[in-house]
Every structure is written in structure tokens, then in C-alpha cells.
Amino acid sequence: MHSLFEKIKIAVMYLVLAIGLVFVLFPIFYMVVSSFKSNIEIMAGGANFFPVKWSMDNYITAWNSDVFNVKRLIWNSIYYTVLVVLFTAANSCIAGYVFARGRFKGKKLWFGVFTALMFVNFGGANILPTLQIIAKLHLSGSLSGLIVVKFFGINVVNIYLVKSFVSSLPKELDEAAMIDGCSFFGIFRRIIAPLLLPIVATVVMLGFQGSWNEYLMPMVFTASDPLKGTLVSGLFYLKSSGGAATNWNILLAGSVIASIPVLIVYLYGNKYFIQGLTAGAVKG
């Protein structure tokens, strides 16, 4: 009887996971399938889920579009994403280490304040002040200004993950390094940092996904020259590239092109992502 109950529980669990998987994958599958349709066929609704005639014309049009210069926008996205990920990973690792091993007054209070920021969402209310500050620094109209903003930003989730991972490491490592004459940040550089590779992989993948797929801020910062934006922000200009009507077929083709790098990175680093996420979330 107990064995039967366990089998039913496992079957229900897999059923729920399968339903969740369908809900997650269906929009992606629909986007890919519809990217091979004509715009008229898409606008017709659900008459045909699959294209009547499969065609690569949408991809050819998107690739050769003047407002969606794929090669230049991909380079902009790589430039923006790599720098943001490097800054985010470095800030998160140092901050997580300080909160895990540091001894200073108000540490719990400061960490509580940072944790509370996870539940605060200003929406678009901070865009105008941010743009005004960047304009004073003469960095408006480019991704460089947004990179500066990201450099001084705080990613609370990443800090929390790194702090939990560092807290799981034995403090005897720190004590042995101190006996050998290492300073507080010397311990981080020589002992802790090499051990952070699993959680760094998680932070890097989260940062890559967030930066590459970011739409609003890159579009706002590069509104004066769309070709200075990222691949994802360029989709805004691609949708109306053919005239008055929205070119959903070309937009979907461009969306598939913009999604490919994220999928490649995830498929390559999925194992490290899961290992680091599990270590950072459970060991702490």
C-alpha cells in the first residue's frame, strides 16, 4: 500500500512538472513556428498553427534590415553584457564575502537593508533621475552610461547567493591563512575566490540572461541612435520597419535570432548553473 502511494505521488509530481514544462515551452515553440509564417497568416489568428508554407524570408529580411543591423547590434550586446556581467560578478563576490566573513558594526542591519531591496520595485520611476545623472557625466546616448549605472548597482540575489556559499566554507581556512600573514582581502584573493567558481558560474549565467534580454533601459539610453543599442532593444524598431502595420513575422524572426545566444549559453553552462545555485542556496 505504501509503495502504491509513493508511485501515485511520483506520477502526480511528474504530471505537474510536465504541465509546467508545456506552459514554459509553448510560447517559445509558437514564436519559432510563427517566425516562418507570413504576416497575413499570423494576423489571421489560429486558423493554422503551423505555416502553410515554410519560408526563410522573414529571417533574410530581419538579417538585412537597416534598423536591425544584426552584426553591429550583436557586438553592442556582447560589449554591454560582458562588462555588466564582469562588474556584477565582482561586486557580488566581494559584497557576499564581506557580509559572510566581515566583522563591523551594523552588519546585520546593512544586510537587512540590502535584503529588503529585493521587495522594492520602483518600476520606471527612476529612469528620469538616472538619465539626468548620466547627462551630467556626458555619457548619455550610449550604452556606456548604462554600464556605469550597472557598475554602481546592487544585485541583492547574487550577494545573497555568494554570502550563503561563503558561509558554508569552514572558517578554519581563514584562520590558517591569517596565521600565514594574509589580510582580510588577502584571504579572499588567495583562499576564498578560487573556491567560489561554482557560485560564480551561477552569478555569471544569471547576469548574462538579465543583461542580454534587457529591453527597456538600453532602448531608453540609446533612443537617439538605435544602432548604438543592443540586439533586444533593436526589436522595437524592427516591428514597424515595413510601414504602418506591425510586421509580426519579421519581429518574431528577429526575436528568435536574439534568443539563440541565451539558449546556447544556458545549454553549455546548465550543469554549472545548477551546481552553483544548489550550493549557494542550500549550503548556507
C-alpha atoms as a PDB file:
ATOM      1  CA  MET A   1       0.000   0.000   0.000  1.00  0.00           C
ATOM      2  CA  HIS A   2       2.803   2.352   0.913  1.00  0.00           C
ATOM      3  CA  SER A   3       4.622   1.536  -2.322  1.00  0.00           C
ATOM      4  CA  LEU A   4       1.460   2.269  -4.353  1.00  0.00           C
ATOM      5  CA  PHE A   5       1.043   5.633  -2.611  1.00  0.00           C
ATOM      6  CA  GLU A   6       4.648   6.553  -3.411  1.00  0.00           C
ATOM      7  CA  LYS A   7       4.144   5.634  -7.071  1.00  0.00           C
ATOM      8  CA  ILE A   8       0.997   7.775  -7.259  1.00  0.00           C
ATOM      9  CA  LYS A   9       2.806  10.690  -5.612  1.00  0.00           C
ATOM     10  CA  ILE A  10       5.691  10.431  -8.079  1.00  0.00           C
ATOM     11  CA  ALA A  11       3.268  10.168 -11.013  1.00  0.00           C
ATOM     12  CA  VAL A  12       1.408  13.294  -9.871  1.00  0.00           C
ATOM     13  CA  MET A  13       4.688  15.144  -9.409  1.00  0.00           C
ATOM     14  CA  TYR A  14       5.818  14.287 -12.944  1.00  0.00           C
ATOM     15  CA  LEU A  15       2.395  15.253 -14.305  1.00  0.00           C
ATOM     16  CA  VAL A  16       2.605  18.670 -12.650  1.00  0.00           C
ATOM     17  CA  LEU A  17       6.156  19.150 -13.938  1.00  0.00           C
ATOM     18  CA  ALA A  18       5.073  18.117 -17.449  1.00  0.00           C
ATOM     19  CA  ILE A  19       2.212  20.642 -17.398  1.00  0.00           C
ATOM     20  CA  GLY A  20       4.589  23.344 -16.191  1.00  0.00           C
ATOM     21  CA  LEU A  21       7.054  22.418 -18.937  1.00  0.00           C
ATOM     22  CA  VAL A  22       4.337  22.772 -21.582  1.00  0.00           C
ATOM     23  CA  PHE A  23       3.389  26.231 -20.293  1.00  0.00           C
ATOM     24  CA  VAL A  24       7.033  27.316 -20.330  1.00  0.00           C
ATOM     25  CA  LEU A  25       7.978  25.901 -23.728  1.00  0.00           C
ATOM     26  CA  PHE A  26       4.776  26.645 -25.651  1.00  0.00           C
ATOM     27  CA  PRO A  27       5.454  30.417 -26.139  1.00  0.00           C
ATOM     28  CA  ILE A  28       8.973  29.632 -27.379  1.00  0.00           C
ATOM     29  CA  PHE A  29       7.688  26.929 -29.716  1.00  0.00           C
ATOM     30  CA  TYR A  30       4.961  29.236 -31.030  1.00  0.00           C
ATOM     31  CA  MET A  31       7.497  32.028 -31.606  1.00  0.00           C
ATOM     32  CA  VAL A  32       9.768  29.741 -33.627  1.00  0.00           C
ATOM     33  CA  VAL A  33       6.936  28.240 -35.687  1.00  0.00           C
ATOM     34  CA  SER A  34       5.318  31.628 -36.385  1.00  0.00           C
ATOM     35  CA  SER A  35       8.639  33.117 -37.485  1.00  0.00           C
ATOM     36  CA  PHE A  36       8.279  31.052 -40.665  1.00  0.00           C
ATOM     37  CA  LYS A  37       4.774  32.391 -41.436  1.00  0.00           C
ATOM     38  CA  SER A  38       3.731  35.401 -43.481  1.00  0.00           C
ATOM     39  CA  ASN A  39       2.358  38.411 -41.621  1.00  0.00           C
ATOM     40  CA  ILE A  40      -1.106  37.855 -43.113  1.00  0.00           C
ATOM     41  CA  GLU A  41      -1.111  34.292 -41.847  1.00  0.00           C
ATOM     42  CA  ILE A  42      -0.175  35.421 -38.336  1.00  0.00           C
ATOM     43  CA  MET A  43      -2.817  38.154 -38.329  1.00  0.00           C
ATOM     44  CA  ALA A  44      -5.433  35.602 -39.385  1.00  0.00           C
ATOM     45  CA  GLY A  45      -5.222  34.077 -35.932  1.00  0.00           C
ATOM     46  CA  GLY A  46      -5.327  30.396 -35.068  1.00  0.00           C
ATOM     47  CA  ALA A  47      -6.555  29.042 -38.378  1.00  0.00           C
ATOM     48  CA  ASN A  48      -3.267  27.217 -38.873  1.00  0.00           C
ATOM     49  CA  PHE A  49      -0.845  26.632 -36.056  1.00  0.00           C
ATOM     50  CA  PHE A  50       1.913  25.537 -38.430  1.00  0.00           C
ATOM     51  CA  PRO A  51       2.804  27.592 -41.523  1.00  0.00           C
ATOM     52  CA  VAL A  52       1.030  26.696 -44.729  1.00  0.00           C
ATOM     53  CA  LYS A  53       4.348  27.264 -46.464  1.00  0.00           C
ATOM     54  CA  TRP A  54       7.620  27.307 -44.528  1.00  0.00           C
ATOM     55  CA  SER A  55       9.815  30.197 -45.614  1.00  0.00           C
ATOM     56  CA  MET A  56      13.123  31.756 -44.542  1.00  0.00           C
ATOM     57  CA  ASP A  57      12.154  35.150 -45.986  1.00  0.00           C
ATOM     58  CA  ASN A  58      11.465  36.623 -42.532  1.00  0.00           C
ATOM     59  CA  TYR A  59      14.968  35.785 -41.345  1.00  0.00           C
ATOM     60  CA  ILE A  60      16.533  37.140 -44.520  1.00  0.00           C
ATOM     61  CA  THR A  61      14.563  40.397 -44.164  1.00  0.00           C
ATOM     62  CA  ALA A  62      15.436  40.741 -40.455  1.00  0.00           C
ATOM     63  CA  TRP A  63      19.124  39.984 -41.068  1.00  0.00           C
ATOM     64  CA  ASN A  64      19.392  42.569 -43.855  1.00  0.00           C
ATOM     65  CA  SER A  65      17.282  45.263 -42.175  1.00  0.00           C
ATOM     66  CA  ASP A  66      18.818  48.740 -41.902  1.00  0.00           C
ATOM     67  CA  VAL A  67      17.219  49.421 -38.492  1.00  0.00           C
ATOM     68  CA  PHE A  68      18.142  45.952 -37.218  1.00  0.00           C
ATOM     69  CA  ASN A  69      21.799  45.721 -38.132  1.00  0.00           C
ATOM     70  CA  VAL A  70      22.344  42.281 -36.638  1.00  0.00           C
ATOM     71  CA  LYS A  71      26.155  42.254 -36.732  1.00  0.00           C
ATOM     72  CA  ARG A  72      26.500  45.660 -35.102  1.00  0.00           C
ATOM     73  CA  LEU A  73      23.749  45.052 -32.534  1.00  0.00           C
ATOM     74  CA  ILE A  74      25.229  41.670 -31.607  1.00  0.00           C
ATOM     75  CA  TRP A  75      28.580  43.351 -30.993  1.00  0.00           C
ATOM     76  CA  ASN A  76      26.855  46.015 -28.864  1.00  0.00           C
ATOM     77  CA  SER A  77      25.073  43.297 -26.886  1.00  0.00           C
ATOM     78  CA  ILE A  78      28.291  41.362 -26.307  1.00  0.00           C
ATOM     79  CA  TYR A  79      30.134  44.534 -25.242  1.00  0.00           C
ATOM     80  CA  TYR A  80      27.341  45.555 -22.863  1.00  0.00           C
ATOM     81  CA  THR A  81      26.660  42.084 -21.469  1.00  0.00           C
ATOM     82  CA  VAL A  82      30.289  41.109 -20.853  1.00  0.00           C
ATOM     83  CA  LEU A  83      31.116  44.316 -18.961  1.00  0.00           C
ATOM     84  CA  VAL A  84      27.914  44.211 -16.894  1.00  0.00           C
ATOM     85  CA  VAL A  85      28.449  40.543 -16.035  1.00  0.00           C
ATOM     86  CA  LEU A  86      32.069  41.177 -15.005  1.00  0.00           C
ATOM     87  CA  PHE A  87      31.104  44.131 -12.802  1.00  0.00           C
ATOM     88  CA  THR A  88      28.136  42.270 -11.309  1.00  0.00           C
ATOM     89  CA  ALA A  89      30.143  39.130 -10.548  1.00  0.00           C
ATOM     90  CA  ALA A  90      32.997  41.106  -8.971  1.00  0.00           C
ATOM     91  CA  ASN A  91      30.682  43.271  -6.839  1.00  0.00           C
ATOM     92  CA  SER A  92      28.569  40.299  -5.756  1.00  0.00           C
ATOM     93  CA  CYS A  93      31.576  38.175  -4.772  1.00  0.00           C
ATOM     94  CA  ILE A  94      33.233  40.940  -2.762  1.00  0.00           C
ATOM     95  CA  ALA A  95      29.998  42.035  -1.067  1.00  0.00           C
ATOM     96  CA  GLY A  96      28.973  38.434  -0.317  1.00  0.00           C
ATOM     97  CA  TYR A  97      32.379  37.734   1.210  1.00  0.00           C
ATOM     98  CA  VAL A  98      32.297  40.894   3.341  1.00  0.00           C
ATOM     99  CA  PHE A  99      28.839  40.102   4.701  1.00  0.00           C
ATOM    100  CA  ALA A 100      29.775  36.473   5.366  1.00  0.00           C
ATOM    101  CA  ARG A 101      33.190  36.953   6.959  1.00  0.00           C
ATOM    102  CA  GLY A 102      33.433  40.634   7.824  1.00  0.00           C
ATOM    103  CA  ARG A 103      33.138  41.979  11.351  1.00  0.00           C
ATOM    104  CA  PHE A 104      31.861  45.522  11.524  1.00  0.00           C
ATOM    105  CA  LYS A 105      29.168  47.433  13.344  1.00  0.00           C
ATOM    106  CA  GLY A 106      25.716  47.259  11.842  1.00  0.00           C
ATOM    107  CA  LYS A 107      26.495  44.304   9.566  1.00  0.00           C
ATOM    108  CA  LYS A 108      23.135  42.646  10.193  1.00  0.00           C
ATOM    109  CA  LEU A 109      21.343  45.964   9.759  1.00  0.00           C
ATOM    110  CA  TRP A 110      23.060  46.705   6.438  1.00  0.00           C
ATOM    111  CA  PHE A 111      22.415  43.200   5.154  1.00  0.00           C
ATOM    112  CA  GLY A 112      18.793  43.534   6.237  1.00  0.00           C
ATOM    113  CA  VAL A 113      18.527  46.790   4.270  1.00  0.00           C
ATOM    114  CA  PHE A 114      20.026  45.148   1.174  1.00  0.00           C
ATOM    115  CA  THR A 115      17.696  42.164   1.569  1.00  0.00           C
ATOM    116  CA  ALA A 116      14.704  44.495   1.850  1.00  0.00           C
ATOM    117  CA  LEU A 117      15.626  45.961  -1.545  1.00  0.00           C
ATOM    118  CA  MET A 118      14.589  42.628  -3.071  1.00  0.00           C
ATOM    119  CA  PHE A 119      10.980  43.571  -2.341  1.00  0.00           C
ATOM    120  CA  VAL A 120      11.164  47.157  -3.615  1.00  0.00           C
ATOM    121  CA  ASN A 121      10.357  47.822  -7.260  1.00  0.00           C
ATOM    122  CA  PHE A 122      10.477  51.414  -8.470  1.00  0.00           C
ATOM    123  CA  GLY A 123       9.337  50.461 -11.960  1.00  0.00           C
ATOM    124  CA  GLY A 124      10.135  53.274 -14.370  1.00  0.00           C
ATOM    125  CA  ALA A 125      10.149  55.995 -11.708  1.00  0.00           C
ATOM    126  CA  ASN A 126      13.944  56.061 -11.516  1.00  0.00           C
ATOM    127  CA  ILE A 127      14.579  56.314 -15.269  1.00  0.00           C
ATOM    128  CA  LEU A 128      14.396  60.121 -15.485  1.00  0.00           C
ATOM    129  CA  PRO A 129      16.723  60.797 -12.491  1.00  0.00           C
ATOM    130  CA  THR A 130      19.150  58.219 -13.862  1.00  0.00           C
ATOM    131  CA  LEU A 131      19.167  59.864 -17.287  1.00  0.00           C
ATOM    132  CA  GLN A 132      19.753  63.280 -15.709  1.00  0.00           C
ATOM    133  CA  ILE A 133      22.741  61.985 -13.725  1.00  0.00           C
ATOM    134  CA  ILE A 134      24.221  60.315 -16.804  1.00  0.00           C
ATOM    135  CA  ALA A 135      23.706  63.529 -18.804  1.00  0.00           C
ATOM    136  CA  LYS A 136      25.754  65.425 -16.187  1.00  0.00           C
ATOM    137  CA  LEU A 137      28.537  62.888 -16.740  1.00  0.00           C
ATOM    138  CA  HIS A 138      28.279  63.418 -20.517  1.00  0.00           C
ATOM    139  CA  LEU A 139      27.565  59.712 -21.077  1.00  0.00           C
ATOM    140  CA  SER A 140      24.028  59.947 -22.416  1.00  0.00           C
ATOM    141  CA  GLY A 141      23.043  58.448 -25.750  1.00  0.00           C
ATOM    142  CA  SER A 142      25.189  55.323 -25.446  1.00  0.00           C
ATOM    143  CA  LEU A 143      25.466  52.029 -23.616  1.00  0.00           C
ATOM    144  CA  SER A 144      28.491  53.347 -21.701  1.00  0.00           C
ATOM    145  CA  GLY A 145      26.232  55.433 -19.465  1.00  0.00           C
ATOM    146  CA  LEU A 146      24.067  52.412 -18.689  1.00  0.00           C
ATOM    147  CA  ILE A 147      27.169  50.349 -17.920  1.00  0.00           C
ATOM    148  CA  VAL A 148      28.202  52.983 -15.353  1.00  0.00           C
ATOM    149  CA  VAL A 149      24.743  52.713 -13.769  1.00  0.00           C
ATOM    150  CA  LYS A 150      25.056  48.930 -13.589  1.00  0.00           C
ATOM    151  CA  PHE A 151      28.530  49.209 -12.081  1.00  0.00           C
ATOM    152  CA  PHE A 152      27.157  51.118  -9.084  1.00  0.00           C
ATOM    153  CA  GLY A 153      24.053  48.931  -8.851  1.00  0.00           C
ATOM    154  CA  ILE A 154      23.355  46.281  -6.215  1.00  0.00           C
ATOM    155  CA  ASN A 155      22.190  42.794  -7.156  1.00  0.00           C
ATOM    156  CA  VAL A 156      20.777  41.517  -3.883  1.00  0.00           C
ATOM    157  CA  VAL A 157      20.035  37.990  -5.107  1.00  0.00           C
ATOM    158  CA  ASN A 158      23.635  37.441  -6.222  1.00  0.00           C
ATOM    159  CA  ILE A 159      25.011  38.857  -2.964  1.00  0.00           C
ATOM    160  CA  TYR A 160      22.735  36.559  -1.006  1.00  0.00           C
ATOM    161  CA  LEU A 161      23.854  33.517  -3.005  1.00  0.00           C
ATOM    162  CA  VAL A 162      27.556  34.327  -2.578  1.00  0.00           C
ATOM    163  CA  LYS A 163      27.127  35.057   1.139  1.00  0.00           C
ATOM    164  CA  SER A 164      25.395  31.709   1.667  1.00  0.00           C
ATOM    165  CA  PHE A 165      28.141  29.891  -0.232  1.00  0.00           C
ATOM    166  CA  VAL A 166      30.973  31.599   1.674  1.00  0.00           C
ATOM    167  CA  SER A 167      29.225  30.935   4.995  1.00  0.00           C
ATOM    168  CA  SER A 168      29.262  27.215   4.153  1.00  0.00           C
ATOM    169  CA  LEU A 169      33.072  27.202   3.866  1.00  0.00           C
ATOM    170  CA  PRO A 170      34.957  26.244   7.062  1.00  0.00           C
ATOM    171  CA  LYS A 171      36.348  29.223   8.943  1.00  0.00           C
ATOM    172  CA  GLU A 172      39.480  27.219   9.675  1.00  0.00           C
ATOM    173  CA  LEU A 173      40.614  28.176   6.164  1.00  0.00           C
ATOM    174  CA  ASP A 174      40.558  31.845   7.172  1.00  0.00           C
ATOM    175  CA  GLU A 175      42.341  31.172  10.445  1.00  0.00           C
ATOM    176  CA  ALA A 176      45.110  29.203   8.730  1.00  0.00           C
ATOM    177  CA  ALA A 177      45.579  31.978   6.165  1.00  0.00           C
ATOM    178  CA  MET A 178      45.715  34.617   8.916  1.00  0.00           C
ATOM    179  CA  ILE A 179      48.460  32.651  10.655  1.00  0.00           C
ATOM    180  CA  ASP A 180      50.391  32.781   7.379  1.00  0.00           C
ATOM    181  CA  GLY A 181      50.036  36.562   7.367  1.00  0.00           C
ATOM    182  CA  CYS A 182      47.125  37.087   4.960  1.00  0.00           C
ATOM    183  CA  SER A 183      44.968  40.176   5.409  1.00  0.00           C
ATOM    184  CA  PHE A 184      41.171  40.141   5.210  1.00  0.00           C
ATOM    185  CA  PHE A 185      41.128  40.745   1.458  1.00  0.00           C
ATOM    186  CA  GLY A 186      44.260  38.632   1.056  1.00  0.00           C
ATOM    187  CA  ILE A 187      42.255  35.694   2.360  1.00  0.00           C
ATOM    188  CA  PHE A 188      39.578  36.459  -0.210  1.00  0.00           C
ATOM    189  CA  ARG A 189      42.040  36.702  -3.085  1.00  0.00           C
ATOM    190  CA  ARG A 190      44.140  33.648  -2.203  1.00  0.00           C
ATOM    191  CA  ILE A 191      41.711  31.280  -0.442  1.00  0.00           C
ATOM    192  CA  ILE A 192      38.039  32.157  -0.933  1.00  0.00           C
ATOM    193  CA  ALA A 193      37.961  33.411  -4.526  1.00  0.00           C
ATOM    194  CA  PRO A 194      39.254  30.130  -6.074  1.00  0.00           C
ATOM    195  CA  LEU A 195      36.555  28.227  -4.161  1.00  0.00           C
ATOM    196  CA  LEU A 196      33.777  30.468  -5.487  1.00  0.00           C
ATOM    197  CA  LEU A 197      33.857  29.083  -9.031  1.00  0.00           C
ATOM    198  CA  PRO A 198      30.567  27.103  -8.730  1.00  0.00           C
ATOM    199  CA  ILE A 199      28.585  30.070  -7.415  1.00  0.00           C
ATOM    200  CA  VAL A 200      30.356  32.462  -9.807  1.00  0.00           C
ATOM    201  CA  ALA A 201      29.087  30.301 -12.690  1.00  0.00           C
ATOM    202  CA  THR A 202      25.545  30.814 -11.384  1.00  0.00           C
ATOM    203  CA  VAL A 203      26.032  34.565 -10.957  1.00  0.00           C
ATOM    204  CA  VAL A 204      27.513  34.854 -14.460  1.00  0.00           C
ATOM    205  CA  MET A 205      24.634  32.969 -16.074  1.00  0.00           C
ATOM    206  CA  LEU A 206      22.010  34.975 -14.196  1.00  0.00           C
ATOM    207  CA  GLY A 207      23.812  38.180 -15.145  1.00  0.00           C
ATOM    208  CA  PHE A 208      24.148  37.133 -18.779  1.00  0.00           C
ATOM    209  CA  GLN A 209      20.474  36.268 -19.060  1.00  0.00           C
ATOM    210  CA  GLY A 210      19.378  39.510 -17.429  1.00  0.00           C
ATOM    211  CA  SER A 211      21.744  41.767 -19.376  1.00  0.00           C
ATOM    212  CA  TRP A 212      21.293  40.172 -22.789  1.00  0.00           C
ATOM    213  CA  ASN A 213      17.484  40.155 -22.510  1.00  0.00           C
ATOM    214  CA  GLU A 214      17.208  43.646 -21.001  1.00  0.00           C
ATOM    215  CA  TYR A 215      14.936  45.752 -23.171  1.00  0.00           C
ATOM    216  CA  LEU A 216      13.720  48.984 -21.586  1.00  0.00           C
ATOM    217  CA  MET A 217      16.890  50.635 -20.276  1.00  0.00           C
ATOM    218  CA  PRO A 218      19.100  50.002 -23.347  1.00  0.00           C
ATOM    219  CA  MET A 219      16.314  51.304 -25.573  1.00  0.00           C
ATOM    220  CA  VAL A 220      15.872  54.467 -23.470  1.00  0.00           C
ATOM    221  CA  PHE A 221      19.606  55.171 -23.227  1.00  0.00           C
ATOM    222  CA  THR A 222      20.151  54.758 -26.978  1.00  0.00           C
ATOM    223  CA  ALA A 223      16.897  56.277 -28.252  1.00  0.00           C
ATOM    224  CA  SER A 224      18.813  58.984 -30.151  1.00  0.00           C
ATOM    225  CA  ASP A 225      20.670  56.354 -32.190  1.00  0.00           C
ATOM    226  CA  PRO A 226      19.073  52.872 -32.272  1.00  0.00           C
ATOM    227  CA  LEU A 227      22.191  51.343 -33.834  1.00  0.00           C
ATOM    228  CA  LYS A 228      24.025  52.025 -30.555  1.00  0.00           C
ATOM    229  CA  GLY A 229      21.567  49.806 -28.719  1.00  0.00           C
ATOM    230  CA  THR A 230      21.500  46.072 -28.062  1.00  0.00           C
ATOM    231  CA  LEU A 231      20.049  43.280 -30.146  1.00  0.00           C
ATOM    232  CA  VAL A 232      16.943  43.012 -27.965  1.00  0.00           C
ATOM    233  CA  SER A 233      16.269  46.763 -27.876  1.00  0.00           C
ATOM    234  CA  GLY A 234      16.582  46.810 -31.672  1.00  0.00           C
ATOM    235  CA  LEU A 235      13.459  44.641 -31.919  1.00  0.00           C
ATOM    236  CA  PHE A 236      11.371  47.726 -31.091  1.00  0.00           C
ATOM    237  CA  TYR A 237      12.394  49.368 -34.351  1.00  0.00           C
ATOM    238  CA  LEU A 238      12.184  46.142 -36.338  1.00  0.00           C
ATOM    239  CA  LYS A 239       8.460  45.651 -35.729  1.00  0.00           C
ATOM    240  CA  SER A 240       7.484  48.752 -37.724  1.00  0.00           C
ATOM    241  CA  SER A 241      10.256  48.636 -40.309  1.00  0.00           C
ATOM    242  CA  GLY A 242       7.910  47.852 -43.189  1.00  0.00           C
ATOM    243  CA  GLY A 243       5.334  50.633 -42.875  1.00  0.00           C
ATOM    244  CA  ALA A 244       2.180  51.299 -40.876  1.00  0.00           C
ATOM    245  CA  ALA A 245       1.303  47.702 -39.976  1.00  0.00           C
ATOM    246  CA  THR A 246       3.335  45.821 -37.408  1.00  0.00           C
ATOM    247  CA  ASN A 247       5.476  43.174 -39.082  1.00  0.00           C
ATOM    248  CA  TRP A 248       4.895  40.392 -36.584  1.00  0.00           C
ATOM    249  CA  ASN A 249       6.559  37.835 -38.840  1.00  0.00           C
ATOM    250  CA  ILE A 250       9.810  39.803 -39.061  1.00  0.00           C
ATOM    251  CA  LEU A 251       9.633  40.713 -35.376  1.00  0.00           C
ATOM    252  CA  LEU A 252       9.300  37.049 -34.414  1.00  0.00           C
ATOM    253  CA  ALA A 253      12.228  36.126 -36.671  1.00  0.00           C
ATOM    254  CA  GLY A 254      14.322  38.821 -35.006  1.00  0.00           C
ATOM    255  CA  SER A 255      13.241  37.538 -31.587  1.00  0.00           C
ATOM    256  CA  VAL A 256      14.440  34.046 -32.469  1.00  0.00           C
ATOM    257  CA  ILE A 257      17.793  35.453 -33.586  1.00  0.00           C
ATOM    258  CA  ALA A 258      18.103  37.417 -30.324  1.00  0.00           C
ATOM    259  CA  SER A 259      17.220  34.326 -28.246  1.00  0.00           C
ATOM    260  CA  ILE A 260      19.796  31.970 -29.769  1.00  0.00           C
ATOM    261  CA  PRO A 261      22.854  33.244 -27.767  1.00  0.00           C
ATOM    262  CA  VAL A 262      20.992  32.865 -24.453  1.00  0.00           C
ATOM    263  CA  LEU A 263      19.942  29.313 -25.303  1.00  0.00           C
ATOM    264  CA  ILE A 264      23.488  28.386 -26.330  1.00  0.00           C
ATOM    265  CA  VAL A 265      24.970  29.776 -23.103  1.00  0.00           C
ATOM    266  CA  TYR A 266      22.332  28.047 -20.997  1.00  0.00           C
ATOM    267  CA  LEU A 267      22.776  24.675 -22.717  1.00  0.00           C
ATOM    268  CA  TYR A 268      26.545  24.941 -22.291  1.00  0.00           C
ATOM    269  CA  GLY A 269      26.549  26.127 -18.672  1.00  0.00           C
ATOM    270  CA  ASN A 270      23.393  24.466 -17.334  1.00  0.00           C
ATOM    271  CA  LYS A 271      25.327  21.907 -15.286  1.00  0.00           C
ATOM    272  CA  TYR A 272      27.459  24.567 -13.584  1.00  0.00           C
ATOM    273  CA  PHE A 273      24.416  26.787 -13.087  1.00  0.00           C
ATOM    274  CA  ILE A 274      22.519  24.072 -11.199  1.00  0.00           C
ATOM    275  CA  GLN A 275      25.553  23.110  -9.117  1.00  0.00           C
ATOM    276  CA  GLY A 276      26.264  26.684  -8.094  1.00  0.00           C
ATOM    277  CA  LEU A 277      22.630  27.541  -7.413  1.00  0.00           C
ATOM    278  CA  THR A 278      22.165  24.459  -5.256  1.00  0.00           C
ATOM    279  CA  ALA A 279      25.388  25.093  -3.334  1.00  0.00           C
ATOM    280  CA  GLY A 280      24.611  28.775  -2.754  1.00  0.00           C
ATOM    281  CA  ALA A 281      21.005  28.222  -1.738  1.00  0.00           C
ATOM    282  CA  VAL A 282      21.277  25.055   0.345  1.00  0.00           C
ATOM    283  CA  LYS A 283      24.685  25.032   1.974  1.00  0.00           C
ATOM    284  CA  GLY A 284      24.113  28.430   3.576  1.00  0.00           C
END
